[in-house]
PDB file of N, CA and C in Angstrom:
ATOM      1  N   UNK A   1       0.874  -1.118   0.082  1.00  0.00           N
ATOM      2  CA  UNK A   1      -0.087   0.028   0.077  1.00  0.00           C
ATOM      3  C   UNK A   1       1.023   1.257  -0.176  1.00  0.00           C
ATOM      4  N   UNK A   2       0.273   2.380  -0.676  1.00  0.00           N
ATOM      5  CA  UNK A   2       1.186   3.575  -0.622  1.00  0.00           C
ATOM      6  C   UNK A   2       0.354   4.549   0.592  1.00  0.00           C
ATOM      7  N   UNK A   3       0.833   4.836   1.556  1.00  0.00           N
ATOM      8  CA  UNK A   3       0.462   5.669   2.469  1.00  0.00           C
ATOM      9  C   UNK A   3       0.510   6.830   2.131  1.00  0.00           C
ATOM     10  N   UNK A   4      -0.475   7.667   2.812  1.00  0.00           N
ATOM     11  CA  UNK A   4      -0.236   9.323   2.667  1.00  0.00           C
ATOM     12  C   UNK A   4       0.813   9.675   3.358  1.00  0.00           C
ATOM     13  N   UNK A   5       1.554  10.441   2.542  1.00  0.00           N
ATOM     14  CA  UNK A   5       2.866  10.826   3.506  1.00  0.00           C
ATOM     15  C   UNK A   5       2.656  11.777   4.970  1.00  0.00           C
ATOM     16  N   UNK A   6       1.721  12.650   4.874  1.00  0.00           N
ATOM     17  CA  UNK A   6       1.171  13.272   5.967  1.00  0.00           C
ATOM     18  C   UNK A   6       0.885  12.558   7.213  1.00  0.00           C
ATOM     19  N   UNK A   7       0.070  11.809   6.934  1.00  0.00           N
ATOM     20  CA  UNK A   7      -0.614  11.121   7.689  1.00  0.00           C
ATOM     21  C   UNK A   7       0.281   9.961   8.326  1.00  0.00           C
ATOM     22  N   UNK A   8       1.082   9.562   7.605  1.00  0.00           N
ATOM     23  CA  UNK A   8       2.152   8.336   8.195  1.00  0.00           C
ATOM     24  C   UNK A   8       3.131   9.060   8.966  1.00  0.00           C
ATOM     25  N   UNK A   9       3.621  10.496   8.592  1.00  0.00           N
ATOM     26  CA  UNK A   9       4.411  11.169   9.414  1.00  0.00           C
ATOM     27  C   UNK A   9       4.075  11.169  10.628  1.00  0.00           C
ATOM     28  N   UNK A  10       2.527  11.923  10.556  1.00  0.00           N
ATOM     29  CA  UNK A  10       2.046  12.178  11.915  1.00  0.00           C
ATOM     30  C   UNK A  10       1.860  10.761  12.870  1.00  0.00           C
ATOM     31  N   UNK A  11       1.289   9.966  12.353  1.00  0.00           N
ATOM     32  CA  UNK A  11       1.207   8.389  13.027  1.00  0.00           C
ATOM     33  C   UNK A  11       2.673   8.175  13.776  1.00  0.00           C
ATOM     34  N   UNK A  12       3.834   8.203  12.935  1.00  0.00           N
ATOM     35  CA  UNK A  12       5.109   7.579  13.606  1.00  0.00           C
ATOM     36  C   UNK A  12       5.681   8.556  14.367  1.00  0.00           C
ATOM     37  N   UNK A  13       5.451   9.894  14.422  1.00  0.00           N
ATOM     38  CA  UNK A  13       6.034  10.870  15.314  1.00  0.00           C
ATOM     39  C   UNK A  13       4.681  10.616  16.775  1.00  0.00           C
ATOM     40  N   UNK A  14       3.600  10.361  16.564  1.00  0.00           N
ATOM     41  CA  UNK A  14       2.725  10.311  17.734  1.00  0.00           C
ATOM     42  C   UNK A  14       3.343   8.846  18.344  1.00  0.00           C
ATOM     43  N   UNK A  15       3.557   8.034  17.472  1.00  0.00           N
ATOM     44  CA  UNK A  15       4.025   6.380  18.242  1.00  0.00           C
ATOM     45  C   UNK A  15       5.415   6.898  18.702  1.00  0.00           C
ATOM     46  N   UNK A  16       6.017   7.794  18.520  1.00  0.00           N
ATOM     47  CA  UNK A  16       7.886   8.059  18.731  1.00  0.00           C
ATOM     48  C   UNK A  16       8.635   7.263  17.982  1.00  0.00           C
ATOM     49  N   UNK A  17       8.211   6.656  16.684  1.00  0.00           N
ATOM     50  CA  UNK A  17       8.819   5.782  16.215  1.00  0.00           C
ATOM     51  C   UNK A  17       9.824   6.481  15.349  1.00  0.00           C
ATOM     52  N   UNK A  18       9.688   7.275  14.770  1.00  0.00           N
ATOM     53  CA  UNK A  18      10.521   8.467  13.832  1.00  0.00           C
ATOM     54  C   UNK A  18      10.370   9.960  14.077  1.00  0.00           C
ATOM     55  N   UNK A  19      10.900  10.672  13.680  1.00  0.00           N
ATOM     56  CA  UNK A  19      10.589  12.146  13.719  1.00  0.00           C
ATOM     57  C   UNK A  19       9.761  12.309  12.423  1.00  0.00           C
ATOM     58  N   UNK A  20       8.807  13.534  12.451  1.00  0.00           N
ATOM     59  CA  UNK A  20       7.782  13.712  11.526  1.00  0.00           C
ATOM     60  C   UNK A  20       8.342  14.307  10.241  1.00  0.00           C
ATOM     61  N   UNK A  21       9.805  14.784  10.289  1.00  0.00           N
ATOM     62  CA  UNK A  21      10.141  15.288   9.160  1.00  0.00           C
ATOM     63  C   UNK A  21      10.918  13.869   8.269  1.00  0.00           C
ATOM     64  N   UNK A  22      10.695  12.759   8.587  1.00  0.00           N
ATOM     65  CA  UNK A  22      11.690  11.424   8.014  1.00  0.00           C
ATOM     66  C   UNK A  22      11.031  11.489   6.618  1.00  0.00           C
ATOM     67  N   UNK A  23      11.593  11.155   5.566  1.00  0.00           N
ATOM     68  CA  UNK A  23      10.916  10.943   4.281  1.00  0.00           C
ATOM     69  C   UNK A  23      10.325   9.910   4.339  1.00  0.00           C
ATOM     70  N   UNK A  24       9.446   9.822   3.275  1.00  0.00           N
ATOM     71  CA  UNK A  24       8.318   8.657   3.097  1.00  0.00           C
ATOM     72  C   UNK A  24       9.333   7.395   2.422  1.00  0.00           C
ATOM     73  N   UNK A  25      10.190   7.506   1.818  1.00  0.00           N
ATOM     74  CA  UNK A  25      11.125   6.563   1.516  1.00  0.00           C
ATOM     75  C   UNK A  25      11.765   5.832   2.668  1.00  0.00           C
ATOM     76  N   UNK A  26      12.308   6.499   3.574  1.00  0.00           N
ATOM     77  CA  UNK A  26      12.678   5.941   4.755  1.00  0.00           C
ATOM     78  C   UNK A  26      11.768   5.081   5.741  1.00  0.00           C
ATOM     79  N   UNK A  27      10.616   5.767   5.583  1.00  0.00           N
ATOM     80  CA  UNK A  27       9.430   5.442   6.629  1.00  0.00           C
ATOM     81  C   UNK A  27       9.219   3.989   6.047  1.00  0.00           C
ATOM     82  N   UNK A  28       8.775   4.040   4.921  1.00  0.00           N
ATOM     83  CA  UNK A  28       8.340   2.541   4.346  1.00  0.00           C
ATOM     84  C   UNK A  28       9.305   1.541   4.302  1.00  0.00           C
ATOM     85  N   UNK A  29      10.798   1.473   4.741  1.00  0.00           N
ATOM     86  CA  UNK A  29      11.675   0.571   4.765  1.00  0.00           C
ATOM     87  C   UNK A  29      11.980   0.467   6.122  1.00  0.00           C
ATOM     88  N   UNK A  30      11.290   1.196   7.045  1.00  0.00           N
ATOM     89  CA  UNK A  30      11.525   1.011   8.401  1.00  0.00           C
ATOM     90  C   UNK A  30      10.732  -0.197   9.108  1.00  0.00           C
ATOM     91  N   UNK A  31      11.322  -1.208   9.392  1.00  0.00           N
ATOM     92  CA  UNK A  31      10.434  -2.176   9.859  1.00  0.00           C
ATOM     93  C   UNK A  31       9.485  -1.930  11.111  1.00  0.00           C
ATOM     94  N   UNK A  32      10.068  -1.299  11.756  1.00  0.00           N
ATOM     95  CA  UNK A  32       9.337  -0.683  13.022  1.00  0.00           C
ATOM     96  C   UNK A  32       7.950  -0.110  12.519  1.00  0.00           C
ATOM     97  N   UNK A  33       8.314   0.792  11.588  1.00  0.00           N
ATOM     98  CA  UNK A  33       6.915   1.741  10.858  1.00  0.00           C
ATOM     99  C   UNK A  33       5.877   0.680  10.463  1.00  0.00           C
ATOM    100  N   UNK A  34       6.487  -0.267   9.679  1.00  0.00           N
ATOM    101  CA  UNK A  34       5.728  -1.415   8.987  1.00  0.00           C
ATOM    102  C   UNK A  34       4.762  -2.270   9.983  1.00  0.00           C
ATOM    103  N   UNK A  35       5.895  -2.504  11.224  1.00  0.00           N
ATOM    104  CA  UNK A  35       4.836  -3.266  12.263  1.00  0.00           C
ATOM    105  C   UNK A  35       4.061  -2.447  12.770  1.00  0.00           C
ATOM    106  N   UNK A  36       3.925  -1.094  12.861  1.00  0.00           N
ATOM    107  CA  UNK A  36       3.022  -0.374  13.781  1.00  0.00           C
ATOM    108  C   UNK A  36       2.121  -0.171  12.830  1.00  0.00           C
ATOM    109  N   UNK A  37       2.194   0.121  11.733  1.00  0.00           N
ATOM    110  CA  UNK A  37       1.008   0.300  10.605  1.00  0.00           C
ATOM    111  C   UNK A  37      -0.087  -1.092  10.696  1.00  0.00           C
ATOM    112  N   UNK A  38       0.824  -2.182  10.284  1.00  0.00           N
ATOM    113  CA  UNK A  38       0.266  -3.299  10.524  1.00  0.00           C
ATOM    114  C   UNK A  38      -0.599  -3.668  11.768  1.00  0.00           C
ATOM    115  N   UNK A  39       0.087  -3.296  13.064  1.00  0.00           N
ATOM    116  CA  UNK A  39      -0.710  -3.214  14.253  1.00  0.00           C
ATOM    117  C   UNK A  39      -1.757  -2.543  14.523  1.00  0.00           C
ATOM    118  N   UNK A  40      -1.929  -1.394  13.890  1.00  0.00           N
ATOM    119  CA  UNK A  40      -2.799  -0.559  13.542  1.00  0.00           C
ATOM    120  C   UNK A  40      -3.878  -0.869  12.965  1.00  0.00           C
ATOM    121  N   UNK A  41      -3.680  -1.543  11.813  1.00  0.00           N
ATOM    122  CA  UNK A  41      -4.593  -2.261  11.041  1.00  0.00           C
ATOM    123  C   UNK A  41      -5.425  -3.062  11.437  1.00  0.00           C
ATOM    124  N   UNK A  42      -4.970  -3.993  12.313  1.00  0.00           N
ATOM    125  CA  UNK A  42      -5.463  -5.101  12.740  1.00  0.00           C
ATOM    126  C   UNK A  42      -6.459  -4.618  13.916  1.00  0.00           C
ATOM    127  N   UNK A  43      -5.890  -3.758  14.669  1.00  0.00           N
ATOM    128  CA  UNK A  43      -6.784  -3.027  15.579  1.00  0.00           C
ATOM    129  C   UNK A  43      -8.123  -2.479  15.247  1.00  0.00           C
ATOM    130  N   UNK A  44      -8.270  -1.785  14.198  1.00  0.00           N
ATOM    131  CA  UNK A  44      -9.119  -1.451  13.480  1.00  0.00           C
ATOM    132  C   UNK A  44      -9.888  -2.388  13.150  1.00  0.00           C
ATOM    133  N   UNK A  45      -9.336  -3.240  12.566  1.00  0.00           N
ATOM    134  CA  UNK A  45     -10.168  -4.826  12.014  1.00  0.00           C
ATOM    135  C   UNK A  45     -10.764  -5.380  13.310  1.00  0.00           C
ATOM    136  N   UNK A  46     -10.407  -5.519  14.492  1.00  0.00           N
ATOM    137  CA  UNK A  46     -10.826  -6.165  15.569  1.00  0.00           C
ATOM    138  C   UNK A  46     -11.903  -5.264  16.137  1.00  0.00           C
ATOM    139  N   UNK A  47     -11.866  -3.903  16.097  1.00  0.00           N
ATOM    140  CA  UNK A  47     -13.103  -3.183  16.675  1.00  0.00           C
ATOM    141  C   UNK A  47     -14.162  -3.105  15.740  1.00  0.00           C
ATOM    142  N   UNK A  48     -13.698  -3.393  14.343  1.00  0.00           N
ATOM    143  CA  UNK A  48     -14.837  -3.608  13.456  1.00  0.00           C
ATOM    144  C   UNK A  48     -15.487  -4.926  13.297  1.00  0.00           C
ATOM    145  N   UNK A  49     -15.023  -5.893  14.313  1.00  0.00           N
ATOM    146  CA  UNK A  49     -15.721  -7.072  14.512  1.00  0.00           C
ATOM    147  C   UNK A  49     -15.184  -8.151  13.356  1.00  0.00           C
ATOM    148  N   UNK A  50     -14.355  -7.730  12.693  1.00  0.00           N
ATOM    149  CA  UNK A  50     -13.570  -8.897  11.760  1.00  0.00           C
ATOM    150  C   UNK A  50     -13.314 -10.021  12.460  1.00  0.00           C
ATOM    151  N   UNK A  51     -13.519 -11.079  11.754  1.00  0.00           N
ATOM    152  CA  UNK A  51     -12.873 -12.385  12.346  1.00  0.00           C
ATOM    153  C   UNK A  51     -11.098 -12.503  12.137  1.00  0.00           C
ATOM    154  N   UNK A  52     -10.618 -13.567  12.582  1.00  0.00           N
ATOM    155  CA  UNK A  52      -9.342 -13.782  12.275  1.00  0.00           C
ATOM    156  C   UNK A  52      -8.934 -14.124  10.991  1.00  0.00           C
ATOM    157  N   UNK A  53      -9.778 -15.029  10.365  1.00  0.00           N
ATOM    158  CA  UNK A  53      -9.451 -15.441   8.906  1.00  0.00           C
ATOM    159  C   UNK A  53      -9.558 -14.025   7.773  1.00  0.00           C
ATOM    160  N   UNK A  54     -10.266 -13.062   8.451  1.00  0.00           N
ATOM    161  CA  UNK A  54     -10.588 -11.537   7.751  1.00  0.00           C
ATOM    162  C   UNK A  54      -9.380 -10.603   7.893  1.00  0.00           C
ATOM    163  N   UNK A  55      -8.452 -11.053   8.591  1.00  0.00           N
ATOM    164  CA  UNK A  55      -7.258 -10.047   9.450  1.00  0.00           C
ATOM    165  C   UNK A  55      -6.159  -9.937   8.362  1.00  0.00           C
ATOM    166  N   UNK A  56      -5.486  -9.194   8.181  1.00  0.00           N
ATOM    167  CA  UNK A  56      -4.547  -8.740   7.341  1.00  0.00           C
ATOM    168  C   UNK A  56      -3.340  -9.633   7.904  1.00  0.00           C
ATOM    169  N   UNK A  57      -2.573 -10.196   7.068  1.00  0.00           N
ATOM    170  CA  UNK A  57      -1.512 -11.264   7.536  1.00  0.00           C
ATOM    171  C   UNK A  57      -0.236 -10.514   7.703  1.00  0.00           C
ATOM    172  N   UNK A  58      -0.289  -9.418   6.778  1.00  0.00           N
ATOM    173  CA  UNK A  58       1.081  -8.518   6.697  1.00  0.00           C
ATOM    174  C   UNK A  58       0.842  -7.501   5.931  1.00  0.00           C
ATOM    175  N   UNK A  59       1.670  -6.529   5.902  1.00  0.00           N
ATOM    176  CA  UNK A  59       1.699  -5.159   5.279  1.00  0.00           C
ATOM    177  C   UNK A  59       2.913  -4.939   4.464  1.00  0.00           C
ATOM    178  N   UNK A  60       2.724  -4.529   3.246  1.00  0.00           N
ATOM    179  CA  UNK A  60       3.976  -3.986   2.436  1.00  0.00           C
ATOM    180  C   UNK A  60       3.604  -2.574   2.347  1.00  0.00           C
ATOM    181  N   UNK A  61       4.685  -1.582   2.614  1.00  0.00           N
ATOM    182  CA  UNK A  61       4.437  -0.352   2.334  1.00  0.00           C
ATOM    183  C   UNK A  61       5.284   0.054   1.415  1.00  0.00           C
ATOM    184  N   UNK A  62       5.002   1.185   0.193  1.00  0.00           N
ATOM    185  CA  UNK A  62       5.468   1.392  -0.893  1.00  0.00           C
ATOM    186  C   UNK A  62       5.576   3.106  -0.838  1.00  0.00           C
ATOM    187  N   UNK A  63       6.777   3.823  -1.198  1.00  0.00           N
ATOM    188  CA  UNK A  63       6.764   5.012  -1.864  1.00  0.00           C
ATOM    189  C   UNK A  63       6.142   5.252  -2.847  1.00  0.00           C
ATOM    190  N   UNK A  64       6.326   4.369  -3.812  1.00  0.00           N
ATOM    191  CA  UNK A  64       5.761   4.518  -5.350  1.00  0.00           C
ATOM    192  C   UNK A  64       4.619   3.923  -5.320  1.00  0.00           C
ATOM    193  N   UNK A  65       3.579   4.593  -6.115  1.00  0.00           N
ATOM    194  CA  UNK A  65       2.153   4.094  -6.247  1.00  0.00           C
ATOM    195  C   UNK A  65       2.134   3.347  -7.665  1.00  0.00           C
ATOM    196  N   UNK A  66       1.493   1.951  -7.525  1.00  0.00           N
ATOM    197  CA  UNK A  66       1.394   1.074  -8.126  1.00  0.00           C
ATOM    198  C   UNK A  66       0.613   1.686  -9.547  1.00  0.00           C
ATOM    199  N   UNK A  67       1.200   1.344 -10.781  1.00  0.00           N
ATOM    200  CA  UNK A  67       0.520   1.442 -12.278  1.00  0.00           C
ATOM    201  C   UNK A  67       0.979   0.520 -13.266  1.00  0.00           C
ATOM    202  N   UNK A  68       0.299   0.182 -14.184  1.00  0.00           N
ATOM    203  CA  UNK A  68       0.427  -0.583 -15.067  1.00  0.00           C
ATOM    204  C   UNK A  68       1.712  -0.512 -15.611  1.00  0.00           C
ATOM    205  N   UNK A  69       2.350   0.556 -15.975  1.00  0.00           N
ATOM    206  CA  UNK A  69       3.594   0.836 -16.358  1.00  0.00           C
ATOM    207  C   UNK A  69       4.509   0.393 -15.471  1.00  0.00           C
ATOM    208  N   UNK A  70       4.574   0.708 -14.218  1.00  0.00           N
ATOM    209  CA  UNK A  70       5.586   0.201 -12.868  1.00  0.00           C
ATOM    210  C   UNK A  70       5.869  -1.092 -13.066  1.00  0.00           C
ATOM    211  N   UNK A  71       4.739  -1.658 -13.192  1.00  0.00           N
ATOM    212  CA  UNK A  71       4.883  -3.321 -13.354  1.00  0.00           C
ATOM    213  C   UNK A  71       5.679  -3.704 -14.328  1.00  0.00           C
ATOM    214  N   UNK A  72       5.637  -3.096 -15.566  1.00  0.00           N
ATOM    215  CA  UNK A  72       6.537  -3.530 -16.873  1.00  0.00           C
ATOM    216  C   UNK A  72       7.750  -3.118 -16.638  1.00  0.00           C
ATOM    217  N   UNK A  73       8.164  -1.899 -15.865  1.00  0.00           N
ATOM    218  CA  UNK A  73       9.578  -1.442 -15.719  1.00  0.00           C
ATOM    219  C   UNK A  73      10.119  -2.451 -14.431  1.00  0.00           C
ATOM    220  N   UNK A  74       9.370  -2.979 -13.627  1.00  0.00           N
ATOM    221  CA  UNK A  74       9.828  -3.678 -12.868  1.00  0.00           C
ATOM    222  C   UNK A  74      10.433  -5.147 -13.313  1.00  0.00           C
ATOM    223  N   UNK A  75       9.504  -5.461 -14.245  1.00  0.00           N
ATOM    224  CA  UNK A  75       9.671  -7.020 -14.923  1.00  0.00           C
ATOM    225  C   UNK A  75      10.970  -6.825 -16.002  1.00  0.00           C
ATOM    226  N   UNK A  76      11.122  -5.727 -16.587  1.00  0.00           N
ATOM    227  CA  UNK A  76      12.446  -5.551 -17.244  1.00  0.00           C
ATOM    228  C   UNK A  76      13.509  -5.334 -16.540  1.00  0.00           C
ATOM    229  N   UNK A  77      13.450  -4.927 -15.248  1.00  0.00           N
ATOM    230  CA  UNK A  77      14.650  -4.845 -14.456  1.00  0.00           C
ATOM    231  C   UNK A  77      15.233  -5.847 -13.806  1.00  0.00           C
ATOM    232  N   UNK A  78      14.330  -7.017 -14.033  1.00  0.00           N
ATOM    233  CA  UNK A  78      14.575  -8.459 -13.505  1.00  0.00           C
ATOM    234  C   UNK A  78      15.293  -9.118 -14.571  1.00  0.00           C
ATOM    235  N   UNK A  79      16.462  -9.478 -13.864  1.00  0.00           N
ATOM    236  CA  UNK A  79      17.271 -10.597 -15.121  1.00  0.00           C
ATOM    237  C   UNK A  79      17.202 -11.922 -14.828  1.00  0.00           C
ATOM    238  N   UNK A  80      16.673 -12.937 -15.848  1.00  0.00           N
ATOM    239  CA  UNK A  80      16.561 -14.173 -15.325  1.00  0.00           C
ATOM    240  C   UNK A  80      18.072 -14.982 -15.002  1.00  0.00           C
TER     241      UNK A  80
END
């Protein structure tokens, strides 16, 4: 998922994980940030009454929005 930079910066600053001025690229690579986002999403799911099978098993954060073109550029950059 591609997080909104301002919201993620505020979230990590409030949790004391990273300073609010940390770049989005650095935040999405930080395991503590990814774990905190996953934990928060699990909490929201539990409050919404989701069952265990409906809960997210993991989260991948990315600074780059997915587009059909980005898939092709990724495939081109992978050598067999």
